């Protein structure tokens, strides 16, 4: 998918400005890690990886349980609000990863659809959660970016838990997931030859 196609898709789905900034920063982390791992001899599809970074939260608004778009950090016009309502209605009951998977699959972008679907938070608990480096890098990069800032993994996870782990069931799930993400961080950073704190 070309840069122009990515931009058109972001505009078509009226991705909120603060989510666009988050995706831009995730793409920055993916580019750093992907290029370093490629230098170590791994076959990294950078075009696919960066497309996944830019589009991984294409329909992130599907997941907002408390829906107050008027409180977004940026102002958006009525057209954006109307489009968001349509998207939330059409993909009601689906996570943003599942909705994006459906959208991209219908476009014939199967590899990209699978890549974005793999960044779902609980996916890491599956027996074989990632089938390639692109999926590992995207999942990890997303967990290093809070809003549009690169932060330490612990800080990002704690922030996510405050927002989302609001039941005992979710807290128990989070307790299982966190160690797996730290294991992934070790694997990705060692392969890339970088310290987590040097990812900027």
N, C-alpha and C. Protein backbone atom coordinates (compact mmCIF):
# COMPACT_ATOMS: atom_id res chain seq x y z
N UNK A 1 0.85 -1.19 0.00
CA UNK A 1 0.00 0.00 0.00
C UNK A 1 0.89 1.24 0.00
N UNK A 2 0.61 2.14 -0.90
CA UNK A 2 1.43 3.33 -1.03
C UNK A 2 1.11 4.35 0.06
N UNK A 3 2.02 5.31 0.23
CA UNK A 3 1.81 6.38 1.21
C UNK A 3 0.53 7.14 0.89
N UNK A 4 0.29 7.38 -0.38
CA UNK A 4 -0.92 8.11 -0.78
C UNK A 4 -2.18 7.32 -0.45
N UNK A 5 -2.15 6.01 -0.67
CA UNK A 5 -3.30 5.17 -0.33
C UNK A 5 -3.56 5.17 1.18
N UNK A 6 -2.48 5.14 1.94
CA UNK A 6 -2.60 5.17 3.40
C UNK A 6 -3.26 6.48 3.84
N UNK A 7 -2.79 7.59 3.29
CA UNK A 7 -3.35 8.89 3.65
C UNK A 7 -4.83 8.98 3.30
N UNK A 8 -5.19 8.47 2.12
CA UNK A 8 -6.59 8.51 1.69
C UNK A 8 -7.47 7.69 2.64
N UNK A 9 -6.95 6.55 3.09
CA UNK A 9 -7.72 5.68 3.99
C UNK A 9 -7.90 6.36 5.36
N UNK A 10 -6.85 6.99 5.83
CA UNK A 10 -6.93 7.72 7.11
C UNK A 10 -7.96 8.84 7.02
N UNK A 11 -7.97 9.54 5.89
CA UNK A 11 -8.94 10.61 5.69
C UNK A 11 -10.35 10.05 5.52
N UNK A 12 -10.46 8.96 4.79
CA UNK A 12 -11.77 8.35 4.53
C UNK A 12 -12.46 7.94 5.84
N UNK A 13 -11.67 7.44 6.78
CA UNK A 13 -12.24 6.99 8.05
C UNK A 13 -12.15 8.06 9.14
N UNK A 14 -11.76 9.25 8.74
CA UNK A 14 -11.77 10.41 9.65
C UNK A 14 -11.07 10.09 10.97
N UNK A 15 -9.90 9.50 10.87
CA UNK A 15 -9.14 9.16 12.07
C UNK A 15 -8.88 10.44 12.87
N UNK A 16 -9.26 10.46 14.15
CA UNK A 16 -9.04 11.68 14.97
C UNK A 16 -7.57 12.09 14.98
N UNK A 17 -7.35 13.39 15.11
CA UNK A 17 -6.00 13.93 15.00
C UNK A 17 -5.05 13.36 16.05
N UNK A 18 -5.53 13.17 17.28
CA UNK A 18 -4.63 12.67 18.32
C UNK A 18 -4.25 11.21 18.06
N UNK A 19 -5.13 10.46 17.42
CA UNK A 19 -4.81 9.08 17.07
C UNK A 19 -3.83 9.05 15.89
N UNK A 20 -3.96 9.99 14.99
CA UNK A 20 -2.99 10.09 13.89
C UNK A 20 -1.58 10.36 14.44
N UNK A 21 -1.51 11.22 15.44
CA UNK A 21 -0.19 11.52 16.03
C UNK A 21 0.39 10.29 16.72
N UNK A 22 -0.48 9.52 17.37
CA UNK A 22 -0.03 8.27 17.99
C UNK A 22 0.52 7.32 16.93
N UNK A 23 -0.20 7.16 15.85
CA UNK A 23 0.22 6.23 14.79
C UNK A 23 1.52 6.68 14.14
N UNK A 24 1.68 7.98 14.00
CA UNK A 24 2.93 8.51 13.43
C UNK A 24 4.12 8.14 14.32
N UNK A 25 3.94 8.23 15.63
CA UNK A 25 5.02 7.91 16.56
C UNK A 25 5.30 6.40 16.57
N UNK A 26 4.24 5.60 16.49
CA UNK A 26 4.42 4.14 16.41
C UNK A 26 5.19 3.78 15.14
N UNK A 27 4.89 4.47 14.05
CA UNK A 27 5.61 4.23 12.80
C UNK A 27 7.09 4.57 12.96
N UNK A 28 7.39 5.61 13.73
CA UNK A 28 8.78 5.99 13.98
C UNK A 28 9.52 4.88 14.72
N UNK A 29 8.88 4.30 15.73
CA UNK A 29 9.50 3.20 16.49
C UNK A 29 9.65 1.97 15.60
N UNK A 30 8.63 1.68 14.79
CA UNK A 30 8.70 0.52 13.89
C UNK A 30 9.83 0.67 12.88
N UNK A 31 10.00 1.88 12.37
CA UNK A 31 11.07 2.12 11.39
C UNK A 31 12.44 1.88 12.01
N UNK A 32 12.62 2.37 13.24
CA UNK A 32 13.90 2.19 13.94
C UNK A 32 14.19 0.71 14.17
N UNK A 33 13.23 0.02 14.77
CA UNK A 33 13.44 -1.39 15.11
C UNK A 33 13.51 -2.27 13.87
N UNK A 34 12.62 -2.00 12.92
CA UNK A 34 12.60 -2.80 11.70
C UNK A 34 13.90 -2.70 10.93
N UNK A 35 14.43 -1.49 10.80
CA UNK A 35 15.68 -1.30 10.04
C UNK A 35 16.86 -1.97 10.75
N UNK A 36 16.89 -1.88 12.07
CA UNK A 36 17.99 -2.49 12.82
C UNK A 36 17.94 -4.01 12.76
N UNK A 37 16.74 -4.56 12.84
CA UNK A 37 16.60 -6.02 12.76
C UNK A 37 16.90 -6.51 11.35
N UNK A 38 16.54 -5.71 10.35
CA UNK A 38 16.86 -6.07 8.97
C UNK A 38 18.37 -6.08 8.76
N UNK A 39 19.07 -5.17 9.42
CA UNK A 39 20.53 -5.12 9.33
C UNK A 39 21.18 -6.37 9.92
N UNK A 40 20.43 -7.05 10.79
CA UNK A 40 20.96 -8.29 11.39
C UNK A 40 20.67 -9.51 10.51
N UNK A 41 20.11 -9.27 9.34
CA UNK A 41 19.91 -10.35 8.38
C UNK A 41 18.50 -10.89 8.31
N UNK A 42 17.58 -10.35 9.11
CA UNK A 42 16.20 -10.82 9.05
C UNK A 42 15.48 -10.16 7.88
N UNK A 43 14.56 -10.88 7.28
CA UNK A 43 13.80 -10.36 6.15
C UNK A 43 12.60 -9.58 6.69
N UNK A 44 12.69 -8.26 6.66
CA UNK A 44 11.62 -7.40 7.17
C UNK A 44 10.97 -6.67 6.00
N UNK A 45 9.67 -6.81 5.88
CA UNK A 45 8.92 -6.06 4.86
C UNK A 45 8.59 -4.69 5.44
N UNK A 46 9.47 -3.73 5.21
CA UNK A 46 9.33 -2.42 5.82
C UNK A 46 8.08 -1.69 5.32
N UNK A 47 7.76 -1.87 4.06
CA UNK A 47 6.56 -1.21 3.52
C UNK A 47 5.31 -1.69 4.26
N UNK A 48 5.23 -3.00 4.46
CA UNK A 48 4.09 -3.58 5.18
C UNK A 48 4.09 -3.14 6.64
N UNK A 49 5.25 -3.18 7.27
CA UNK A 49 5.37 -2.80 8.68
C UNK A 49 4.92 -1.36 8.91
N UNK A 50 5.40 -0.45 8.07
CA UNK A 50 5.06 0.96 8.26
C UNK A 50 3.59 1.22 7.93
N UNK A 51 3.06 0.52 6.95
CA UNK A 51 1.62 0.64 6.66
C UNK A 51 0.80 0.18 7.86
N UNK A 52 1.25 -0.91 8.50
CA UNK A 52 0.57 -1.40 9.69
C UNK A 52 0.63 -0.41 10.83
N UNK A 53 1.77 0.25 10.97
CA UNK A 53 1.93 1.25 12.03
C UNK A 53 0.99 2.42 11.82
N UNK A 54 0.92 2.90 10.60
CA UNK A 54 0.08 4.06 10.29
C UNK A 54 -1.41 3.73 10.40
N UNK A 55 -1.78 2.47 10.15
CA UNK A 55 -3.20 2.11 10.09
C UNK A 55 -3.67 1.23 11.23
N UNK A 56 -2.81 0.93 12.21
CA UNK A 56 -3.21 -0.03 13.24
C UNK A 56 -4.38 0.46 14.08
N UNK A 57 -4.56 1.78 14.18
CA UNK A 57 -5.69 2.34 14.93
C UNK A 57 -6.67 3.06 14.00
N UNK A 58 -6.80 2.53 12.80
CA UNK A 58 -7.68 3.14 11.79
C UNK A 58 -9.08 3.40 12.32
N UNK A 59 -9.61 2.44 13.05
CA UNK A 59 -10.96 2.58 13.61
C UNK A 59 -10.92 2.38 15.12
N UNK A 60 -9.94 2.99 15.74
CA UNK A 60 -9.77 2.89 17.20
C UNK A 60 -11.02 3.35 17.94
N UNK A 61 -11.78 4.24 17.34
CA UNK A 61 -12.99 4.75 17.98
C UNK A 61 -14.01 3.66 18.27
N UNK A 62 -13.88 2.51 17.64
CA UNK A 62 -14.80 1.40 17.91
C UNK A 62 -14.69 0.91 19.36
N UNK A 63 -13.53 1.10 19.97
CA UNK A 63 -13.28 0.56 21.31
C UNK A 63 -13.65 1.51 22.44
N UNK A 64 -13.98 2.75 22.12
CA UNK A 64 -14.24 3.72 23.17
C UNK A 64 -15.55 3.39 23.88
N UNK A 65 -15.46 2.94 25.12
CA UNK A 65 -16.66 2.60 25.88
C UNK A 65 -17.37 3.86 26.37
N UNK A 66 -16.58 4.86 26.72
CA UNK A 66 -17.14 6.17 27.08
C UNK A 66 -16.96 7.07 25.86
N UNK A 67 -18.07 7.45 25.25
CA UNK A 67 -17.98 8.13 23.96
C UNK A 67 -18.33 9.61 24.12
N UNK A 68 -17.29 10.43 24.23
CA UNK A 68 -17.44 11.87 24.32
C UNK A 68 -16.44 12.54 23.38
N UNK A 69 -16.65 12.44 22.07
CA UNK A 69 -15.68 13.00 21.12
C UNK A 69 -15.50 14.50 21.26
N UNK A 70 -16.45 15.16 21.89
CA UNK A 70 -16.29 16.60 22.11
C UNK A 70 -15.15 16.89 23.08
N UNK A 71 -14.71 15.84 23.81
CA UNK A 71 -13.60 16.01 24.75
C UNK A 71 -12.25 15.62 24.17
N UNK A 72 -12.22 15.26 22.88
CA UNK A 72 -10.95 14.95 22.24
C UNK A 72 -10.03 16.17 22.35
N UNK A 73 -8.72 15.96 22.37
CA UNK A 73 -7.79 17.09 22.53
C UNK A 73 -7.81 18.08 21.37
N UNK A 74 -8.35 17.66 20.23
CA UNK A 74 -8.44 18.55 19.07
C UNK A 74 -9.91 18.71 18.67
N UNK A 75 -10.23 19.83 18.10
CA UNK A 75 -11.58 20.07 17.62
C UNK A 75 -11.75 19.45 16.24
N UNK A 76 -12.93 18.86 16.01
CA UNK A 76 -13.26 18.27 14.72
C UNK A 76 -14.63 18.78 14.30
N UNK A 77 -14.85 18.88 12.98
CA UNK A 77 -16.11 19.42 12.50
C UNK A 77 -17.21 18.35 12.53
N UNK A 78 -18.41 18.77 12.18
CA UNK A 78 -19.59 17.91 12.24
C UNK A 78 -19.44 16.69 11.34
N UNK A 79 -18.78 16.86 10.21
CA UNK A 79 -18.59 15.75 9.27
C UNK A 79 -17.84 14.60 9.94
N UNK A 80 -16.82 14.93 10.72
CA UNK A 80 -16.06 13.91 11.44
C UNK A 80 -16.97 13.18 12.43
N UNK A 81 -17.73 13.94 13.19
CA UNK A 81 -18.60 13.34 14.21
C UNK A 81 -19.63 12.41 13.58
N UNK A 82 -20.18 12.81 12.47
CA UNK A 82 -21.17 11.97 11.78
C UNK A 82 -20.54 10.68 11.26
N UNK A 83 -19.34 10.80 10.72
CA UNK A 83 -18.64 9.61 10.21
C UNK A 83 -18.29 8.66 11.35
N UNK A 84 -17.86 9.20 12.50
CA UNK A 84 -17.54 8.35 13.65
C UNK A 84 -18.76 7.57 14.12
N UNK A 85 -19.91 8.22 14.13
CA UNK A 85 -21.14 7.54 14.55
C UNK A 85 -21.47 6.41 13.60
N UNK A 86 -21.26 6.63 12.30
CA UNK A 86 -21.52 5.58 11.31
C UNK A 86 -20.59 4.39 11.52
N UNK A 87 -19.31 4.68 11.76
CA UNK A 87 -18.33 3.61 11.95
C UNK A 87 -18.65 2.81 13.21
N UNK A 88 -18.94 3.50 14.30
CA UNK A 88 -19.23 2.82 15.56
C UNK A 88 -20.49 1.97 15.44
N UNK A 89 -21.45 2.43 14.67
CA UNK A 89 -22.68 1.67 14.46
C UNK A 89 -22.43 0.44 13.58
N UNK A 90 -21.69 0.64 12.51
CA UNK A 90 -21.44 -0.46 11.56
C UNK A 90 -20.63 -1.59 12.19
N UNK A 91 -19.65 -1.23 13.02
CA UNK A 91 -18.77 -2.25 13.60
C UNK A 91 -19.05 -2.47 15.09
N UNK A 92 -20.26 -2.20 15.50
CA UNK A 92 -20.65 -2.38 16.90
C UNK A 92 -20.40 -3.81 17.35
N UNK A 93 -19.76 -3.96 18.51
CA UNK A 93 -19.47 -5.28 19.05
C UNK A 93 -18.14 -5.85 18.60
N UNK A 94 -17.45 -5.14 17.71
CA UNK A 94 -16.15 -5.60 17.23
C UNK A 94 -15.06 -4.70 17.78
N UNK A 95 -13.91 -5.29 18.06
CA UNK A 95 -12.76 -4.50 18.49
C UNK A 95 -12.23 -3.74 17.29
N UNK A 96 -11.39 -2.73 17.55
CA UNK A 96 -10.86 -1.96 16.42
C UNK A 96 -9.95 -2.80 15.55
N UNK A 97 -9.29 -3.81 16.15
CA UNK A 97 -8.44 -4.70 15.36
C UNK A 97 -9.29 -5.56 14.42
N UNK A 98 -10.40 -6.07 14.93
CA UNK A 98 -11.28 -6.91 14.12
C UNK A 98 -11.95 -6.10 13.01
N UNK A 99 -12.36 -4.88 13.34
CA UNK A 99 -12.99 -4.02 12.34
C UNK A 99 -12.00 -3.66 11.23
N UNK A 100 -10.77 -3.32 11.61
CA UNK A 100 -9.75 -2.99 10.61
C UNK A 100 -9.43 -4.20 9.75
N UNK A 101 -9.39 -5.37 10.37
CA UNK A 101 -9.15 -6.61 9.64
C UNK A 101 -10.22 -6.80 8.56
N UNK A 102 -11.45 -6.55 8.92
CA UNK A 102 -12.56 -6.70 7.97
C UNK A 102 -12.44 -5.68 6.83
N UNK A 103 -12.17 -4.45 7.18
CA UNK A 103 -12.05 -3.38 6.18
C UNK A 103 -10.93 -3.68 5.18
N UNK A 104 -9.76 -4.02 5.71
CA UNK A 104 -8.60 -4.24 4.84
C UNK A 104 -8.71 -5.53 4.03
N UNK A 105 -9.34 -6.55 4.62
CA UNK A 105 -9.55 -7.81 3.89
C UNK A 105 -10.45 -7.58 2.68
N UNK A 106 -11.48 -6.77 2.88
CA UNK A 106 -12.40 -6.46 1.78
C UNK A 106 -11.69 -5.68 0.67
N UNK A 107 -10.63 -4.97 1.03
CA UNK A 107 -9.85 -4.23 0.04
C UNK A 107 -8.82 -5.11 -0.66
N UNK A 108 -8.69 -6.34 -0.20
CA UNK A 108 -7.69 -7.24 -0.78
C UNK A 108 -6.33 -7.15 -0.13
N UNK A 109 -6.25 -6.38 0.97
CA UNK A 109 -4.98 -6.20 1.69
C UNK A 109 -4.87 -7.22 2.83
N UNK A 110 -4.76 -8.49 2.45
CA UNK A 110 -4.82 -9.57 3.44
C UNK A 110 -3.64 -9.55 4.41
N UNK A 111 -2.44 -9.36 3.90
CA UNK A 111 -1.26 -9.35 4.77
C UNK A 111 -1.34 -8.21 5.78
N UNK A 112 -1.76 -7.05 5.31
CA UNK A 112 -1.89 -5.90 6.18
C UNK A 112 -3.01 -6.13 7.20
N UNK A 113 -4.08 -6.74 6.77
CA UNK A 113 -5.20 -7.05 7.68
C UNK A 113 -4.74 -7.96 8.80
N UNK A 114 -3.99 -9.00 8.46
CA UNK A 114 -3.49 -9.95 9.47
C UNK A 114 -2.51 -9.27 10.42
N UNK A 115 -1.65 -8.41 9.87
CA UNK A 115 -0.67 -7.70 10.69
C UNK A 115 -1.38 -6.85 11.74
N UNK A 116 -2.37 -6.09 11.33
CA UNK A 116 -3.07 -5.21 12.26
C UNK A 116 -3.88 -6.01 13.27
N UNK A 117 -4.48 -7.09 12.83
CA UNK A 117 -5.25 -7.93 13.75
C UNK A 117 -4.37 -8.49 14.86
N UNK A 118 -3.10 -8.74 14.55
CA UNK A 118 -2.18 -9.37 15.50
C UNK A 118 -1.77 -8.45 16.65
N UNK A 119 -2.05 -7.14 16.54
CA UNK A 119 -1.61 -6.24 17.62
C UNK A 119 -2.63 -6.14 18.76
N UNK A 120 -3.69 -6.95 18.67
CA UNK A 120 -4.68 -6.98 19.75
C UNK A 120 -3.99 -7.35 21.06
N UNK A 121 -4.32 -6.63 22.11
CA UNK A 121 -3.60 -6.74 23.40
C UNK A 121 -3.49 -8.18 23.89
N UNK A 122 -4.60 -8.93 23.89
CA UNK A 122 -4.60 -10.28 24.45
C UNK A 122 -4.02 -11.33 23.50
N UNK A 123 -3.71 -10.94 22.28
CA UNK A 123 -3.17 -11.89 21.30
C UNK A 123 -1.90 -12.56 21.79
N UNK A 124 -1.14 -11.85 22.60
CA UNK A 124 0.16 -12.35 23.05
C UNK A 124 0.02 -13.59 23.94
N UNK A 125 -1.19 -13.88 24.42
CA UNK A 125 -1.42 -15.06 25.26
C UNK A 125 -1.65 -16.32 24.42
N UNK A 126 -1.83 -16.17 23.12
CA UNK A 126 -2.04 -17.33 22.27
C UNK A 126 -0.76 -18.17 22.21
N UNK A 127 -0.93 -19.43 21.88
CA UNK A 127 0.22 -20.35 21.82
C UNK A 127 1.28 -19.85 20.84
N UNK A 128 0.84 -19.37 19.70
CA UNK A 128 1.76 -18.83 18.69
C UNK A 128 1.21 -17.47 18.25
N UNK A 129 1.44 -16.42 19.05
CA UNK A 129 0.80 -15.12 18.79
C UNK A 129 1.30 -14.38 17.56
N UNK A 130 2.56 -14.58 17.21
CA UNK A 130 3.13 -13.81 16.09
C UNK A 130 3.81 -14.76 15.10
N UNK A 131 3.55 -14.52 13.82
CA UNK A 131 4.13 -15.41 12.82
C UNK A 131 5.32 -14.81 12.10
N UNK A 132 5.63 -13.54 12.39
CA UNK A 132 6.79 -12.92 11.75
C UNK A 132 7.28 -11.74 12.58
N UNK A 133 8.41 -11.16 12.17
CA UNK A 133 8.97 -10.02 12.89
C UNK A 133 8.11 -8.78 12.77
N UNK A 134 7.43 -8.62 11.64
CA UNK A 134 6.57 -7.45 11.48
C UNK A 134 5.50 -7.41 12.58
N UNK A 135 4.92 -8.56 12.88
CA UNK A 135 3.88 -8.61 13.91
C UNK A 135 4.47 -8.35 15.29
N UNK A 136 5.63 -8.89 15.56
CA UNK A 136 6.29 -8.65 16.86
C UNK A 136 6.64 -7.18 17.04
N UNK A 137 7.19 -6.58 16.00
CA UNK A 137 7.62 -5.19 16.08
C UNK A 137 6.43 -4.26 16.26
N UNK A 138 5.37 -4.46 15.48
CA UNK A 138 4.21 -3.59 15.59
C UNK A 138 3.57 -3.70 16.97
N UNK A 139 3.41 -4.91 17.45
CA UNK A 139 2.79 -5.10 18.77
C UNK A 139 3.61 -4.37 19.84
N UNK A 140 4.92 -4.57 19.81
CA UNK A 140 5.78 -3.94 20.81
C UNK A 140 5.83 -2.43 20.66
N UNK A 141 5.98 -1.94 19.44
CA UNK A 141 6.07 -0.50 19.21
C UNK A 141 4.82 0.22 19.72
N UNK A 142 3.68 -0.37 19.50
CA UNK A 142 2.43 0.24 19.97
C UNK A 142 2.40 0.34 21.50
N UNK A 143 3.03 -0.62 22.17
CA UNK A 143 3.05 -0.63 23.63
C UNK A 143 4.11 0.31 24.20
N UNK A 144 4.89 0.94 23.33
CA UNK A 144 5.89 1.91 23.79
C UNK A 144 5.45 3.35 23.57
N UNK A 145 4.30 3.54 22.94
CA UNK A 145 3.84 4.90 22.63
C UNK A 145 2.55 5.19 23.37
N UNK A 146 2.62 6.14 24.28
CA UNK A 146 1.44 6.60 25.02
C UNK A 146 1.02 7.94 24.44
N UNK A 147 -0.17 7.96 23.89
CA UNK A 147 -0.62 9.11 23.11
C UNK A 147 0.38 9.33 21.97
N UNK A 148 1.16 10.41 22.00
CA UNK A 148 2.15 10.61 20.93
C UNK A 148 3.56 10.73 21.50
N UNK A 149 3.79 10.09 22.65
CA UNK A 149 5.10 10.13 23.30
C UNK A 149 5.63 8.71 23.49
N UNK A 150 6.93 8.54 23.21
CA UNK A 150 7.58 7.26 23.50
C UNK A 150 7.88 7.21 24.99
N UNK A 151 7.39 6.17 25.65
CA UNK A 151 7.58 6.04 27.10
C UNK A 151 8.09 4.63 27.39
N UNK A 152 8.58 4.44 28.63
CA UNK A 152 8.99 3.11 29.03
C UNK A 152 7.78 2.19 29.07
N UNK A 153 8.02 0.92 28.81
CA UNK A 153 6.95 -0.06 28.74
C UNK A 153 6.11 -0.09 30.01
N UNK A 154 6.76 -0.04 31.17
CA UNK A 154 6.04 -0.08 32.44
C UNK A 154 5.03 1.06 32.54
N UNK A 155 5.45 2.26 32.17
CA UNK A 155 4.57 3.43 32.24
C UNK A 155 3.38 3.28 31.30
N UNK A 156 3.64 2.80 30.11
CA UNK A 156 2.56 2.63 29.13
C UNK A 156 1.55 1.59 29.61
N UNK A 157 2.03 0.48 30.13
CA UNK A 157 1.13 -0.57 30.60
C UNK A 157 0.32 -0.12 31.80
N UNK A 158 0.97 0.61 32.70
CA UNK A 158 0.24 1.12 33.87
C UNK A 158 -0.85 2.09 33.45
N UNK A 159 -0.56 2.94 32.48
CA UNK A 159 -1.57 3.87 31.97
C UNK A 159 -2.74 3.15 31.34
N UNK A 160 -2.43 2.11 30.57
CA UNK A 160 -3.49 1.32 29.94
C UNK A 160 -4.34 0.59 30.95
N UNK A 161 -3.70 0.09 32.00
CA UNK A 161 -4.44 -0.63 33.04
C UNK A 161 -5.41 0.29 33.77
N UNK A 162 -4.98 1.53 34.02
CA UNK A 162 -5.86 2.50 34.70
C UNK A 162 -7.10 2.78 33.87
N UNK A 163 -6.92 2.82 32.54
CA UNK A 163 -8.04 3.13 31.66
C UNK A 163 -8.94 1.94 31.41
N UNK A 164 -8.34 0.75 31.34
CA UNK A 164 -9.10 -0.40 30.82
C UNK A 164 -9.32 -1.55 31.79
N UNK A 165 -8.42 -1.75 32.75
CA UNK A 165 -8.56 -2.89 33.67
C UNK A 165 -9.48 -2.51 34.83
N UNK A 166 -10.76 -2.36 34.50
CA UNK A 166 -11.72 -1.86 35.48
C UNK A 166 -12.57 -2.95 36.13
N UNK A 167 -12.27 -4.21 35.85
CA UNK A 167 -12.96 -5.33 36.49
C UNK A 167 -11.91 -6.33 36.98
N UNK A 168 -12.30 -7.19 37.89
CA UNK A 168 -11.38 -8.20 38.40
C UNK A 168 -10.92 -9.14 37.29
N UNK A 169 -11.82 -9.43 36.37
CA UNK A 169 -11.49 -10.31 35.24
C UNK A 169 -10.41 -9.67 34.36
N UNK A 170 -10.58 -8.38 34.08
CA UNK A 170 -9.60 -7.68 33.26
C UNK A 170 -8.27 -7.52 33.98
N UNK A 171 -8.32 -7.32 35.28
CA UNK A 171 -7.08 -7.22 36.06
C UNK A 171 -6.32 -8.54 36.03
N UNK A 172 -7.04 -9.65 36.13
CA UNK A 172 -6.41 -10.97 36.09
C UNK A 172 -5.79 -11.22 34.71
N UNK A 173 -6.48 -10.80 33.66
CA UNK A 173 -5.97 -10.96 32.30
C UNK A 173 -4.71 -10.13 32.11
N UNK A 174 -4.74 -8.90 32.60
CA UNK A 174 -3.58 -8.02 32.51
C UNK A 174 -2.37 -8.61 33.21
N UNK A 175 -2.60 -9.24 34.37
CA UNK A 175 -1.50 -9.85 35.12
C UNK A 175 -0.82 -10.97 34.33
N UNK A 176 -1.56 -11.63 33.46
CA UNK A 176 -0.99 -12.68 32.62
C UNK A 176 -0.25 -12.11 31.41
N UNK A 177 -0.77 -10.99 30.91
CA UNK A 177 -0.24 -10.41 29.68
C UNK A 177 1.08 -9.68 29.89
N UNK A 178 1.16 -8.90 30.96
CA UNK A 178 2.35 -8.06 31.17
C UNK A 178 3.68 -8.81 31.07
N UNK A 179 3.85 -9.94 31.76
CA UNK A 179 5.14 -10.65 31.66
C UNK A 179 5.48 -11.06 30.22
N UNK A 180 4.44 -11.41 29.44
CA UNK A 180 4.67 -11.80 28.05
C UNK A 180 5.18 -10.61 27.22
N UNK A 181 4.66 -9.42 27.53
CA UNK A 181 5.10 -8.23 26.78
C UNK A 181 6.54 -7.88 27.13
N UNK A 182 6.90 -8.04 28.40
CA UNK A 182 8.29 -7.78 28.78
C UNK A 182 9.23 -8.80 28.14
N UNK A 183 8.77 -10.04 27.99
CA UNK A 183 9.57 -11.05 27.29
C UNK A 183 9.75 -10.64 25.82
N UNK A 184 8.67 -10.14 25.22
CA UNK A 184 8.75 -9.69 23.83
C UNK A 184 9.70 -8.51 23.69
N UNK A 185 9.66 -7.59 24.65
CA UNK A 185 10.57 -6.45 24.62
C UNK A 185 12.02 -6.94 24.61
N UNK A 186 12.33 -7.90 25.46
CA UNK A 186 13.69 -8.45 25.53
C UNK A 186 14.09 -9.06 24.19
N UNK A 187 13.18 -9.83 23.60
CA UNK A 187 13.47 -10.49 22.33
C UNK A 187 13.71 -9.48 21.21
N UNK A 188 12.81 -8.50 21.10
CA UNK A 188 12.90 -7.52 20.01
C UNK A 188 14.13 -6.63 20.18
N UNK A 189 14.35 -6.15 21.38
CA UNK A 189 15.47 -5.22 21.60
C UNK A 189 16.82 -5.91 21.47
N UNK A 190 16.92 -7.15 21.95
CA UNK A 190 18.17 -7.89 21.80
C UNK A 190 18.45 -8.15 20.33
N UNK A 191 17.41 -8.49 19.57
CA UNK A 191 17.60 -8.75 18.14
C UNK A 191 18.01 -7.48 17.41
N UNK A 192 17.41 -6.35 17.81
CA UNK A 192 17.72 -5.08 17.18
C UNK A 192 19.06 -4.51 17.66
N UNK A 193 19.55 -5.01 18.80
CA UNK A 193 20.79 -4.50 19.36
C UNK A 193 20.65 -3.13 19.98
N UNK A 194 19.48 -2.87 20.59
CA UNK A 194 19.24 -1.58 21.23
C UNK A 194 18.73 -1.79 22.66
N UNK A 195 19.03 -0.85 23.51
CA UNK A 195 18.45 -0.85 24.83
C UNK A 195 17.07 -0.19 24.76
N UNK A 196 16.10 -0.70 25.51
CA UNK A 196 14.76 -0.10 25.48
C UNK A 196 14.77 1.41 25.71
N UNK A 197 15.65 1.87 26.61
CA UNK A 197 15.71 3.29 26.91
C UNK A 197 16.28 4.13 25.78
N UNK A 198 16.90 3.49 24.79
CA UNK A 198 17.47 4.22 23.67
C UNK A 198 16.52 4.33 22.48
N UNK A 199 15.31 3.84 22.66
CA UNK A 199 14.31 3.95 21.60
C UNK A 199 13.64 5.32 21.72
N UNK A 200 14.04 6.23 20.86
CA UNK A 200 13.52 7.60 20.91
C UNK A 200 13.18 8.08 19.49
